[in-house]
Amino acid sequence: MLELQNISKSFGGNPVLQNITFDIEKGEAVGLIGPNGSGKTTLFNVITGFYRSKTGHTKFNDRNITQMTPEAICELGVCRTFQITKPFSNIPVLKNVTIGALIREKSLRKAEKKAEEVLEFVEMREKKNVLGKNLTIADRKRLEIARGLATAPKLFLLDEVMAGLTPIELQDMMALVRNLMNVGITLFIIEHIMTAIMNLSQRIIVLDHGEIIAQGEPEEISCDPNCIKAYLGEDYLNARNQ
């Protein structure tokens, strides 16, 4: 479904991504982990058209999307959430989601109907009249997913949708992500909460200093000394070896 070949990106001459190459198959849930500053969100921005890669190409369902705008890429079925949620603060939840649905639906009535269905799916229908600015952190993250889901994505990129949640909220969010998988949406997930990423991902890609240092199933990644050293630190590696 998604193919990246030799993607590189620099800012002011400083390389942020270097020769990134990987595929994501339809129906997969793929995790993306790495230290802060390793290039994870930059990679999401390249895939979704917010940044242009310096080299290489990105394909979605065999179509080259490297030079497309974010809107055109979204119309093809690739959507993403943002790490910092920014709902439309002074309009209700329902209208926030309706805006996302308008990329598919040509009438406001149909877009609102779609938004109602999405809010039911993410368990926020009872909050449809709450203003965006009055939502809790957990509900803002659910709204972020709902707005993306309203665009009917085939590939959904989730950028730290579990950060800052309480343990109960975390379990609820993991259940929502599983529901996305159950309805056939392919997922690419950035997350620092290892319990979540290990339980939700079928495969994990590890970035460090803009380069892929490992790819594999969660169990492989959790036992890889290079991944442990780069992401969790020497102390964690020493503790495992004792």
Protein backbone atom coordinates (compact mmCIF):
# COMPACT_ATOMS: atom_id res chain seq x y z
CA MET A 1 0.00 0.00 0.00
CA LEU A 2 2.78 2.46 0.93
CA GLU A 3 6.28 2.41 -0.54
CA LEU A 4 9.12 4.73 0.43
CA GLN A 5 12.35 4.56 -1.53
CA ASN A 6 15.52 6.46 -0.52
CA ILE A 7 13.69 9.33 1.18
CA SER A 8 15.98 12.05 2.57
CA LYS A 9 15.17 15.42 4.12
CA SER A 10 17.39 18.21 5.43
CA PHE A 11 16.79 21.52 7.15
CA GLY A 12 19.43 24.20 6.69
CA GLY A 13 21.89 21.60 5.47
CA ASN A 14 21.33 19.40 8.51
CA PRO A 15 20.09 15.91 7.54
CA VAL A 16 16.93 14.84 9.37
CA LEU A 17 16.04 11.78 7.28
CA GLN A 18 18.62 9.73 5.40
CA ASN A 19 17.80 7.14 2.74
CA ILE A 20 14.57 5.91 4.30
CA THR A 21 13.25 2.82 2.50
CA PHE A 22 10.39 0.58 3.62
CA ASP A 23 6.94 -0.73 2.64
CA ILE A 24 3.63 -1.02 4.48
CA GLU A 25 1.19 -3.66 3.31
CA LYS A 26 -2.58 -3.25 3.28
CA GLY A 27 -4.08 -4.22 6.63
CA GLU A 28 -0.86 -3.88 8.62
CA ALA A 29 -0.40 -1.96 11.85
CA VAL A 30 3.19 -0.70 11.81
CA GLY A 31 4.83 1.11 14.72
CA LEU A 32 7.47 3.82 14.37
CA ILE A 33 9.71 4.41 17.37
CA GLY A 34 12.92 6.23 18.15
CA PRO A 35 14.40 8.90 20.41
CA ASN A 36 13.11 12.47 20.35
CA GLY A 37 14.57 14.21 17.32
CA SER A 38 15.09 11.00 15.38
CA GLY A 39 12.87 12.19 12.51
CA LYS A 40 9.58 10.40 13.18
CA THR A 41 7.19 13.31 12.74
CA THR A 42 9.28 14.67 9.87
CA LEU A 43 8.77 11.33 8.14
CA PHE A 44 5.00 11.63 8.65
CA ASN A 45 5.15 15.15 7.19
CA VAL A 46 6.98 13.88 4.12
CA ILE A 47 4.54 11.02 3.55
CA THR A 48 1.51 13.32 3.82
CA GLY A 49 2.90 16.12 1.66
CA PHE A 50 3.64 18.78 4.28
CA TYR A 51 7.37 18.50 3.48
CA ARG A 52 9.08 17.67 0.20
CA SER A 53 11.76 15.00 0.29
CA LYS A 54 15.21 15.87 -1.07
CA THR A 55 15.63 12.47 -2.73
CA GLY A 56 13.66 9.35 -3.54
CA HIS A 57 9.94 8.83 -3.94
CA THR A 58 6.79 7.91 -2.04
CA LYS A 59 4.09 5.73 -3.59
CA PHE A 60 0.59 4.97 -2.33
CA ASN A 61 -1.19 2.09 -4.04
CA ASP A 62 1.41 2.28 -6.83
CA ARG A 63 0.75 5.99 -7.43
CA ASN A 64 3.63 8.42 -6.98
CA ILE A 65 2.54 10.99 -4.37
CA THR A 66 5.97 12.56 -3.79
CA GLN A 67 5.05 15.98 -5.15
CA MET A 68 1.36 16.01 -4.23
CA THR A 69 -0.24 18.46 -1.79
CA PRO A 70 -1.60 17.25 1.57
CA GLU A 71 -5.16 17.75 0.29
CA ALA A 72 -4.58 15.62 -2.81
CA ILE A 73 -2.89 12.90 -0.74
CA CYS A 74 -5.80 12.92 1.71
CA GLU A 75 -8.26 12.56 -1.17
CA LEU A 76 -6.41 9.40 -2.20
CA GLY A 77 -6.93 7.96 1.28
CA VAL A 78 -3.89 8.91 3.38
CA CYS A 79 -4.64 10.90 6.54
CA ARG A 80 -2.72 11.72 9.71
CA THR A 81 -3.26 13.06 13.20
CA PHE A 82 -1.01 15.68 14.75
CA GLN A 83 1.01 15.34 17.93
CA ILE A 84 -0.30 18.70 19.19
CA THR A 85 -4.07 18.65 18.86
CA LYS A 86 -5.60 21.84 17.51
CA PRO A 87 -9.38 21.54 17.24
CA PHE A 88 -11.44 24.46 16.01
CA SER A 89 -11.90 25.87 19.50
CA ASN A 90 -15.09 27.88 19.12
CA ILE A 91 -17.23 25.41 17.20
CA PRO A 92 -18.83 22.19 18.48
CA VAL A 93 -17.31 18.74 18.15
CA LEU A 94 -19.84 17.77 15.47
CA LYS A 95 -18.83 20.65 13.21
CA ASN A 96 -15.15 19.88 13.78
CA VAL A 97 -15.71 16.40 12.40
CA THR A 98 -18.08 17.55 9.66
CA ILE A 99 -15.27 19.66 8.19
CA GLY A 100 -13.21 16.50 7.76
CA ALA A 101 -16.13 14.66 6.13
CA LEU A 102 -16.56 17.38 3.50
CA ILE A 103 -13.53 16.05 1.62
CA ARG A 104 -15.70 13.05 0.63
CA GLU A 105 -19.29 14.27 0.91
CA LYS A 106 -20.59 16.94 -1.45
CA SER A 107 -23.46 18.12 0.70
CA LEU A 108 -23.43 19.46 4.25
CA ARG A 109 -26.28 17.14 5.23
CA LYS A 110 -24.37 14.04 4.15
CA ALA A 111 -21.18 15.31 5.80
CA GLU A 112 -23.02 15.83 9.09
CA LYS A 113 -24.49 12.33 8.86
CA LYS A 114 -21.00 10.91 8.32
CA ALA A 115 -19.71 12.96 11.27
CA GLU A 116 -22.46 11.53 13.49
CA GLU A 117 -21.43 8.00 12.50
CA VAL A 118 -17.77 8.72 13.22
CA LEU A 119 -18.56 10.22 16.62
CA GLU A 120 -20.54 7.09 17.46
CA PHE A 121 -17.52 4.99 16.48
CA VAL A 122 -15.10 6.96 18.69
CA GLU A 123 -17.65 7.12 21.54
CA MET A 124 -18.05 10.90 21.50
CA ARG A 125 -21.58 11.29 20.20
CA GLU A 126 -22.84 12.57 23.53
CA LYS A 127 -20.25 15.37 23.33
CA LYS A 128 -21.13 16.49 19.81
CA ASN A 129 -22.33 19.90 21.00
CA VAL A 130 -19.32 20.61 23.25
CA LEU A 131 -17.01 23.35 21.99
CA GLY A 132 -13.53 22.21 20.98
CA LYS A 133 -11.91 24.45 23.59
CA ASN A 134 -13.83 22.77 26.43
CA LEU A 135 -12.60 19.22 25.77
CA THR A 136 -10.22 17.29 28.00
CA ILE A 137 -6.87 16.13 26.62
CA ALA A 138 -8.23 12.63 26.12
CA ASP A 139 -11.28 13.91 24.25
CA ARG A 140 -9.15 16.23 22.12
CA LYS A 141 -7.16 13.20 21.02
CA ARG A 142 -10.35 11.29 20.25
CA LEU A 143 -11.59 14.28 18.27
CA GLU A 144 -8.30 14.34 16.35
CA ILE A 145 -8.87 10.71 15.38
CA ALA A 146 -12.51 11.43 14.53
CA ARG A 147 -11.61 14.31 12.21
CA GLY A 148 -9.15 12.08 10.37
CA LEU A 149 -11.54 9.14 10.31
CA ALA A 150 -14.21 11.34 8.72
CA THR A 151 -12.00 11.63 5.62
CA ALA A 152 -12.39 7.85 5.11
CA PRO A 153 -8.68 6.99 5.22
CA LYS A 154 -7.27 3.79 3.82
CA LEU A 155 -3.92 4.51 5.53
CA PHE A 156 -4.12 6.37 8.85
CA LEU A 157 -0.97 7.84 10.42
CA LEU A 158 -1.31 8.32 14.19
CA ASP A 159 1.20 10.66 15.83
CA GLU A 160 1.37 10.04 19.60
CA VAL A 161 -2.38 9.80 20.17
CA MET A 162 -1.70 8.20 23.57
CA ALA A 163 0.72 10.75 25.00
CA GLY A 164 -0.41 12.42 28.22
CA LEU A 165 -3.24 10.00 28.98
CA THR A 166 -4.02 8.40 32.32
CA PRO A 167 -3.73 4.58 32.57
CA ILE A 168 -7.50 4.17 32.12
CA GLU A 169 -7.57 6.63 29.20
CA LEU A 170 -4.64 4.76 27.67
CA GLN A 171 -6.51 1.47 27.74
CA ASP A 172 -9.54 3.14 26.17
CA MET A 173 -7.39 4.66 23.41
CA MET A 174 -5.72 1.33 22.69
CA ALA A 175 -9.18 -0.21 22.34
CA LEU A 176 -10.12 2.53 19.84
CA VAL A 177 -6.97 1.91 17.80
CA ARG A 178 -7.77 -1.82 17.73
CA ASN A 179 -11.24 -0.95 16.45
CA LEU A 180 -9.64 1.02 13.61
CA MET A 181 -7.66 -2.09 12.74
CA ASN A 182 -10.77 -4.26 12.96
CA VAL A 183 -12.60 -2.17 10.34
CA GLY A 184 -9.72 -2.64 7.90
CA ILE A 185 -7.79 0.61 8.18
CA THR A 186 -4.04 0.27 7.69
CA LEU A 187 -2.16 2.04 10.50
CA PHE A 188 1.25 3.66 10.87
CA ILE A 189 1.76 4.63 14.50
CA ILE A 190 4.28 6.88 16.25
CA GLU A 191 4.25 6.21 19.98
CA HIS A 192 6.63 6.46 22.94
CA ILE A 193 4.53 4.28 25.24
CA MET A 194 6.17 0.93 24.66
CA THR A 195 3.34 -1.13 26.17
CA ALA A 196 1.01 0.33 23.56
CA ILE A 197 3.31 0.07 20.57
CA MET A 198 4.34 -3.49 21.37
CA ASN A 199 0.74 -4.63 21.78
CA LEU A 200 -0.74 -2.83 18.79
CA SER A 201 1.96 -3.24 16.14
CA GLN A 202 2.50 -6.25 13.93
CA ARG A 203 5.82 -4.78 12.84
CA ILE A 204 8.02 -1.96 14.17
CA ILE A 205 10.44 0.39 12.42
CA VAL A 206 13.13 2.03 14.54
CA LEU A 207 14.61 5.42 13.65
CA ASP A 208 17.76 6.93 15.12
CA HIS A 209 19.37 10.14 13.85
CA GLY A 210 17.19 10.01 10.76
CA GLU A 211 18.16 6.48 9.75
CA ILE A 212 16.35 3.16 10.06
CA ILE A 213 18.41 1.02 12.42
CA ALA A 214 15.98 -1.92 12.62
CA GLN A 215 12.71 -3.35 11.34
CA GLY A 216 10.93 -6.40 12.65
CA GLU A 217 8.22 -7.92 14.79
CA PRO A 218 7.78 -6.46 18.30
CA GLU A 219 9.57 -9.37 20.00
CA GLU A 220 12.58 -8.98 17.70
CA ILE A 221 12.79 -5.24 18.34
CA SER A 222 12.45 -5.62 22.11
CA CYS A 223 15.48 -7.95 22.14
CA ASP A 224 17.67 -6.03 19.67
CA PRO A 225 20.68 -4.56 21.56
CA ASN A 226 21.11 -1.73 19.05
CA CYS A 227 17.46 -0.68 19.44
CA ILE A 228 17.65 -0.87 23.22
CA LYS A 229 20.83 1.18 23.26
CA ALA A 230 19.50 3.85 20.90
CA TYR A 231 16.02 4.14 22.36
CA LEU A 232 16.02 2.97 26.00
CA GLY A 233 19.63 3.54 26.99
CA GLU A 234 22.65 1.59 28.21
CA ASP A 235 21.17 1.06 31.70
CA TYR A 236 18.19 -0.83 30.27
CA LEU A 237 20.52 -2.98 28.16
CA ASN A 238 22.75 -3.77 31.16
CA ALA A 239 19.73 -4.68 33.27
CA ARG A 240 18.50 -7.13 30.63
CA ASN A 241 21.92 -8.78 30.48
CA GLN A 242 22.22 -9.32 34.24
